[in-house]
N, C-alpha and C. Protein backbone atom coordinates (compact mmCIF):
# COMPACT_ATOMS: atom_id res chain seq x y z
N MET A 1 5.39 7.11 -23.47
CA MET A 1 5.11 5.72 -23.15
C MET A 1 6.37 5.03 -22.63
N LYS A 2 7.53 5.35 -23.27
CA LYS A 2 8.78 4.74 -22.85
C LYS A 2 9.13 5.15 -21.42
N ILE A 3 8.88 6.40 -21.06
CA ILE A 3 9.15 6.88 -19.70
C ILE A 3 8.26 6.15 -18.70
N ALA A 4 6.98 5.99 -19.03
CA ALA A 4 6.05 5.29 -18.13
C ALA A 4 6.49 3.85 -17.93
N ARG A 5 6.94 3.19 -19.01
CA ARG A 5 7.39 1.80 -18.92
C ARG A 5 8.63 1.70 -18.04
N THR A 6 9.57 2.63 -18.22
CA THR A 6 10.79 2.65 -17.41
C THR A 6 10.47 2.90 -15.94
N LEU A 7 9.57 3.86 -15.68
CA LEU A 7 9.16 4.16 -14.31
C LEU A 7 8.49 2.95 -13.67
N THR A 8 7.61 2.29 -14.42
CA THR A 8 6.92 1.12 -13.89
C THR A 8 7.91 0.02 -13.54
N ARG A 9 8.89 -0.21 -14.41
CA ARG A 9 9.91 -1.24 -14.12
C ARG A 9 10.72 -0.90 -12.87
N ALA A 10 11.10 0.36 -12.74
CA ALA A 10 11.88 0.78 -11.56
C ALA A 10 11.07 0.61 -10.29
N LEU A 11 9.80 0.98 -10.36
CA LEU A 11 8.94 0.86 -9.18
C LEU A 11 8.64 -0.59 -8.86
N LEU A 12 8.49 -1.42 -9.88
CA LEU A 12 8.30 -2.86 -9.64
C LEU A 12 9.51 -3.44 -8.93
N GLY A 13 10.72 -3.01 -9.33
CA GLY A 13 11.93 -3.48 -8.65
C GLY A 13 11.95 -3.08 -7.19
N SER A 14 11.53 -1.86 -6.90
CA SER A 14 11.46 -1.40 -5.50
C SER A 14 10.44 -2.21 -4.72
N ALA A 15 9.30 -2.48 -5.34
CA ALA A 15 8.26 -3.25 -4.66
C ALA A 15 8.74 -4.67 -4.39
N ILE A 16 9.44 -5.28 -5.33
CA ILE A 16 9.96 -6.63 -5.13
C ILE A 16 10.99 -6.64 -4.01
N ALA A 17 11.85 -5.64 -3.97
CA ALA A 17 12.85 -5.56 -2.90
C ALA A 17 12.18 -5.45 -1.54
N LEU A 18 11.11 -4.67 -1.46
CA LEU A 18 10.37 -4.56 -0.21
C LEU A 18 9.76 -5.89 0.19
N THR A 19 9.22 -6.60 -0.78
CA THR A 19 8.60 -7.89 -0.52
C THR A 19 9.61 -8.89 0.00
N ILE A 20 10.76 -8.97 -0.63
CA ILE A 20 11.78 -9.92 -0.21
C ILE A 20 12.23 -9.64 1.21
N GLY A 21 12.35 -8.39 1.58
CA GLY A 21 12.79 -8.04 2.93
C GLY A 21 11.73 -8.26 3.99
N SER A 22 10.49 -8.47 3.59
CA SER A 22 9.40 -8.57 4.56
C SER A 22 8.78 -9.95 4.65
N VAL A 23 9.27 -10.92 3.92
CA VAL A 23 8.62 -12.22 3.85
C VAL A 23 8.54 -12.90 5.21
N ALA A 24 9.48 -12.66 6.09
CA ALA A 24 9.50 -13.35 7.37
C ALA A 24 8.43 -12.87 8.34
N GLN A 25 7.76 -11.76 8.04
CA GLN A 25 6.76 -11.25 8.96
C GLN A 25 5.52 -12.14 8.96
N ALA A 26 4.93 -12.31 10.13
CA ALA A 26 3.68 -13.07 10.22
C ALA A 26 2.56 -12.23 9.60
N GLN A 27 1.74 -12.87 8.81
CA GLN A 27 0.67 -12.16 8.12
C GLN A 27 -0.68 -12.64 8.63
N SER A 28 -1.58 -11.70 8.92
CA SER A 28 -2.91 -12.11 9.34
C SER A 28 -3.95 -11.86 8.26
N ALA A 29 -3.64 -11.05 7.25
CA ALA A 29 -4.60 -10.80 6.18
C ALA A 29 -3.87 -10.39 4.92
N SER A 30 -4.45 -10.73 3.79
CA SER A 30 -3.93 -10.24 2.51
C SER A 30 -5.11 -9.82 1.65
N TYR A 31 -4.86 -8.82 0.81
CA TYR A 31 -5.88 -8.26 -0.05
C TYR A 31 -5.29 -8.14 -1.44
N ASN A 32 -6.08 -8.44 -2.47
CA ASN A 32 -5.59 -8.38 -3.84
C ASN A 32 -6.65 -7.72 -4.71
N ALA A 33 -6.35 -6.53 -5.25
CA ALA A 33 -7.32 -5.81 -6.09
C ALA A 33 -6.64 -4.60 -6.71
N THR A 34 -7.34 -3.96 -7.64
CA THR A 34 -6.86 -2.71 -8.19
C THR A 34 -7.14 -1.58 -7.19
N ILE A 35 -6.44 -0.49 -7.36
CA ILE A 35 -6.55 0.63 -6.43
C ILE A 35 -7.74 1.50 -6.82
N GLU A 36 -8.62 1.74 -5.86
CA GLU A 36 -9.77 2.62 -6.08
C GLU A 36 -9.35 4.08 -5.97
N ILE A 37 -8.63 4.42 -4.89
CA ILE A 37 -8.26 5.80 -4.62
C ILE A 37 -7.01 5.85 -3.76
N ILE A 38 -6.17 6.84 -4.00
CA ILE A 38 -4.99 7.11 -3.17
C ILE A 38 -5.16 8.51 -2.61
N GLU A 39 -4.95 8.64 -1.31
CA GLU A 39 -5.11 9.93 -0.64
C GLU A 39 -3.80 10.27 0.08
N VAL A 40 -3.22 11.41 -0.25
CA VAL A 40 -1.97 11.85 0.37
C VAL A 40 -2.31 12.93 1.39
N TRP A 41 -1.94 12.71 2.63
CA TRP A 41 -2.29 13.63 3.71
C TRP A 41 -1.20 14.68 3.90
N ARG A 42 -1.62 15.81 4.42
CA ARG A 42 -0.70 16.92 4.69
C ARG A 42 0.43 16.50 5.64
N ASN A 43 0.14 15.59 6.58
CA ASN A 43 1.16 15.19 7.56
C ASN A 43 2.16 14.17 7.00
N GLY A 44 1.96 13.72 5.75
CA GLY A 44 2.89 12.79 5.13
C GLY A 44 2.41 11.36 5.05
N ASN A 45 1.31 11.02 5.70
CA ASN A 45 0.74 9.68 5.58
C ASN A 45 0.10 9.52 4.21
N VAL A 46 -0.04 8.27 3.78
CA VAL A 46 -0.73 7.96 2.53
C VAL A 46 -1.79 6.91 2.85
N ALA A 47 -3.02 7.20 2.49
CA ALA A 47 -4.12 6.25 2.68
C ALA A 47 -4.63 5.85 1.30
N PHE A 48 -5.15 4.63 1.20
CA PHE A 48 -5.70 4.17 -0.07
C PHE A 48 -6.74 3.09 0.18
N ARG A 49 -7.59 2.89 -0.83
CA ARG A 49 -8.59 1.82 -0.80
C ARG A 49 -8.46 0.99 -2.06
N LEU A 50 -8.78 -0.29 -1.93
CA LEU A 50 -8.77 -1.21 -3.05
C LEU A 50 -10.20 -1.50 -3.49
N ASN A 51 -10.39 -1.64 -4.78
CA ASN A 51 -11.72 -1.90 -5.32
C ASN A 51 -12.28 -3.23 -4.82
N GLY A 52 -13.49 -3.18 -4.26
CA GLY A 52 -14.19 -4.39 -3.85
C GLY A 52 -13.64 -5.11 -2.65
N VAL A 53 -12.74 -4.48 -1.91
CA VAL A 53 -12.11 -5.14 -0.76
C VAL A 53 -12.72 -4.63 0.53
N SER A 54 -13.10 -5.55 1.39
CA SER A 54 -13.60 -5.19 2.72
C SER A 54 -12.52 -5.51 3.73
N GLY A 55 -11.96 -4.47 4.34
CA GLY A 55 -10.95 -4.66 5.37
C GLY A 55 -11.60 -5.05 6.69
N THR A 56 -10.79 -5.43 7.64
CA THR A 56 -11.30 -5.86 8.93
C THR A 56 -11.26 -4.76 9.98
N CYS A 57 -10.88 -3.55 9.58
CA CYS A 57 -10.77 -2.45 10.52
C CYS A 57 -11.98 -1.53 10.41
N GLY A 58 -12.12 -0.61 11.33
CA GLY A 58 -13.26 0.30 11.35
C GLY A 58 -13.07 1.56 10.54
N SER A 59 -12.19 1.56 9.54
CA SER A 59 -11.87 2.77 8.80
C SER A 59 -12.53 2.82 7.42
N ASN A 60 -13.62 2.10 7.24
CA ASN A 60 -14.31 2.09 5.95
C ASN A 60 -13.39 1.55 4.85
N ASN A 61 -12.62 0.52 5.19
CA ASN A 61 -11.74 -0.19 4.26
C ASN A 61 -10.50 0.58 3.81
N TRP A 62 -10.12 1.63 4.51
CA TRP A 62 -8.92 2.39 4.18
C TRP A 62 -7.69 1.68 4.73
N MET A 63 -6.63 1.72 3.95
CA MET A 63 -5.32 1.20 4.36
C MET A 63 -4.38 2.39 4.49
N VAL A 64 -3.37 2.28 5.34
CA VAL A 64 -2.52 3.44 5.58
C VAL A 64 -1.04 3.07 5.54
N LEU A 65 -0.26 4.01 4.99
CA LEU A 65 1.20 3.98 5.08
C LEU A 65 1.59 5.18 5.92
N ASN A 66 2.12 4.95 7.11
CA ASN A 66 2.50 6.05 7.99
C ASN A 66 3.83 6.65 7.55
N LYS A 67 3.92 7.97 7.65
CA LYS A 67 5.09 8.70 7.13
C LYS A 67 6.41 8.29 7.77
N SER A 68 6.41 7.86 9.01
CA SER A 68 7.68 7.54 9.68
C SER A 68 8.17 6.13 9.41
N TRP A 69 7.41 5.31 8.73
CA TRP A 69 7.83 3.94 8.46
C TRP A 69 8.92 3.89 7.40
N ASP A 70 9.87 2.99 7.59
CA ASP A 70 10.84 2.72 6.54
C ASP A 70 10.07 2.14 5.35
N GLY A 71 10.36 2.62 4.17
CA GLY A 71 9.75 2.07 2.98
C GLY A 71 8.46 2.73 2.53
N THR A 72 7.93 3.70 3.30
CA THR A 72 6.67 4.33 2.90
C THR A 72 6.79 4.99 1.53
N LYS A 73 7.88 5.69 1.27
CA LYS A 73 8.02 6.34 -0.03
C LYS A 73 8.08 5.32 -1.16
N ASN A 74 8.74 4.20 -0.94
CA ASN A 74 8.81 3.15 -1.96
C ASN A 74 7.44 2.52 -2.20
N MET A 75 6.71 2.26 -1.12
CA MET A 75 5.37 1.67 -1.29
C MET A 75 4.42 2.66 -1.97
N TYR A 76 4.55 3.93 -1.64
CA TYR A 76 3.74 4.96 -2.29
C TYR A 76 4.04 4.99 -3.79
N ALA A 77 5.31 4.90 -4.15
CA ALA A 77 5.70 4.87 -5.56
C ALA A 77 5.12 3.65 -6.26
N ALA A 78 5.13 2.51 -5.59
CA ALA A 78 4.56 1.29 -6.16
C ALA A 78 3.05 1.45 -6.36
N LEU A 79 2.37 2.10 -5.40
CA LEU A 79 0.93 2.35 -5.55
C LEU A 79 0.64 3.21 -6.78
N ILE A 80 1.43 4.25 -6.97
CA ILE A 80 1.23 5.13 -8.12
C ILE A 80 1.45 4.36 -9.42
N ALA A 81 2.51 3.56 -9.47
CA ALA A 81 2.79 2.77 -10.67
C ALA A 81 1.65 1.81 -10.97
N ALA A 82 1.14 1.15 -9.95
CA ALA A 82 0.03 0.21 -10.15
C ALA A 82 -1.23 0.92 -10.61
N LYS A 83 -1.51 2.07 -10.02
CA LYS A 83 -2.69 2.84 -10.41
C LYS A 83 -2.58 3.30 -11.86
N LEU A 84 -1.42 3.83 -12.25
CA LEU A 84 -1.23 4.29 -13.63
C LEU A 84 -1.33 3.16 -14.64
N ALA A 85 -0.86 1.98 -14.26
CA ALA A 85 -0.88 0.82 -15.15
C ALA A 85 -2.17 0.01 -15.03
N ASP A 86 -3.06 0.43 -14.13
CA ASP A 86 -4.31 -0.30 -13.86
C ASP A 86 -4.03 -1.77 -13.54
N ARG A 87 -3.02 -1.98 -12.70
CA ARG A 87 -2.62 -3.32 -12.27
C ARG A 87 -3.04 -3.54 -10.83
N PRO A 88 -3.42 -4.75 -10.47
CA PRO A 88 -3.78 -5.03 -9.08
C PRO A 88 -2.54 -5.05 -8.18
N VAL A 89 -2.75 -4.78 -6.92
CA VAL A 89 -1.69 -4.91 -5.92
C VAL A 89 -2.13 -5.96 -4.90
N ARG A 90 -1.17 -6.60 -4.28
CA ARG A 90 -1.44 -7.50 -3.17
C ARG A 90 -0.86 -6.82 -1.94
N VAL A 91 -1.69 -6.66 -0.92
CA VAL A 91 -1.30 -6.00 0.32
C VAL A 91 -1.36 -7.02 1.45
N TYR A 92 -0.30 -7.09 2.23
CA TYR A 92 -0.27 -7.93 3.42
C TYR A 92 -0.31 -7.05 4.66
N SER A 93 -1.12 -7.46 5.63
CA SER A 93 -1.28 -6.68 6.85
C SER A 93 -1.29 -7.62 8.06
N SER A 94 -0.73 -7.15 9.15
CA SER A 94 -0.75 -7.92 10.39
C SER A 94 -1.75 -7.36 11.38
N GLY A 95 -2.53 -6.34 10.97
CA GLY A 95 -3.53 -5.84 11.90
C GLY A 95 -3.98 -4.43 11.62
N CYS A 96 -4.64 -3.87 12.61
CA CYS A 96 -5.23 -2.54 12.51
C CYS A 96 -4.65 -1.64 13.60
N ALA A 97 -4.57 -0.36 13.29
CA ALA A 97 -4.12 0.62 14.27
C ALA A 97 -4.47 2.01 13.75
N PRO A 98 -4.49 3.00 14.62
CA PRO A 98 -4.73 4.38 14.15
C PRO A 98 -3.59 4.84 13.24
N ALA A 99 -3.91 5.73 12.32
CA ALA A 99 -2.89 6.34 11.48
C ALA A 99 -2.05 7.28 12.34
N GLU A 100 -0.80 7.43 11.97
CA GLU A 100 0.13 8.29 12.70
C GLU A 100 -0.37 9.74 12.74
N ASN A 101 -0.38 10.32 13.94
CA ASN A 101 -0.80 11.70 14.16
C ASN A 101 -2.21 11.99 13.65
N TYR A 102 -3.11 11.03 13.84
CA TYR A 102 -4.47 11.19 13.35
C TYR A 102 -5.43 10.64 14.39
N THR A 103 -6.70 10.64 14.07
CA THR A 103 -7.73 10.19 15.01
C THR A 103 -7.53 8.73 15.40
N PRO A 104 -8.23 8.28 16.43
CA PRO A 104 -8.07 6.89 16.87
C PRO A 104 -8.74 5.86 15.96
N THR A 105 -9.32 6.28 14.84
CA THR A 105 -9.95 5.33 13.92
C THR A 105 -8.91 4.32 13.43
N PRO A 106 -9.18 3.03 13.55
CA PRO A 106 -8.19 2.04 13.10
C PRO A 106 -8.20 1.88 11.58
N TYR A 107 -7.01 1.85 11.01
CA TYR A 107 -6.80 1.61 9.58
C TYR A 107 -6.11 0.27 9.41
N VAL A 108 -6.23 -0.32 8.24
CA VAL A 108 -5.47 -1.52 7.91
C VAL A 108 -4.01 -1.09 7.76
N LEU A 109 -3.12 -1.65 8.56
CA LEU A 109 -1.70 -1.33 8.48
C LEU A 109 -1.06 -2.19 7.40
N VAL A 110 -0.28 -1.57 6.53
CA VAL A 110 0.35 -2.27 5.41
C VAL A 110 1.74 -2.71 5.82
N ASP A 111 1.95 -4.02 5.90
CA ASP A 111 3.28 -4.55 6.19
C ASP A 111 4.14 -4.55 4.93
N TYR A 112 3.56 -4.99 3.84
CA TYR A 112 4.23 -4.88 2.54
C TYR A 112 3.20 -5.06 1.44
N LEU A 113 3.60 -4.66 0.25
CA LEU A 113 2.72 -4.80 -0.90
C LEU A 113 3.55 -5.07 -2.13
N TYR A 114 2.91 -5.64 -3.13
CA TYR A 114 3.58 -5.78 -4.42
C TYR A 114 2.55 -5.67 -5.54
N ILE A 115 3.04 -5.35 -6.72
CA ILE A 115 2.19 -5.23 -7.88
C ILE A 115 1.99 -6.61 -8.46
N ALA A 116 0.73 -7.00 -8.57
CA ALA A 116 0.39 -8.35 -9.02
C ALA A 116 0.15 -8.38 -10.52
N ASP A 117 0.06 -9.58 -11.07
CA ASP A 117 -0.30 -9.75 -12.50
C ASP A 117 -1.79 -9.78 -12.68
């Protein structure tokens, strides 16, 4: 339990740092919910869905973290921490686009996320 608490605190710190660095970005949508599923792709992308959230893209409400983005590993760690703690996350997105090295299906692009209360 102590290890999980320490990991959660470390990941929360990473998520907060990402949030602070991204506040200046224009946001067109935000989503707040617990994580339904996290999917890790062979090519390094991470896709996930939030419970009860309808995205504006044609990907059946999937959100994506592309492997080449700065911060993808940190956001993935924050997703795992939130899922393990059954805590909601808030995701900000500026639009839709295909996932990196994948089909042209548009996914909700994640500009930043944080673990909510």
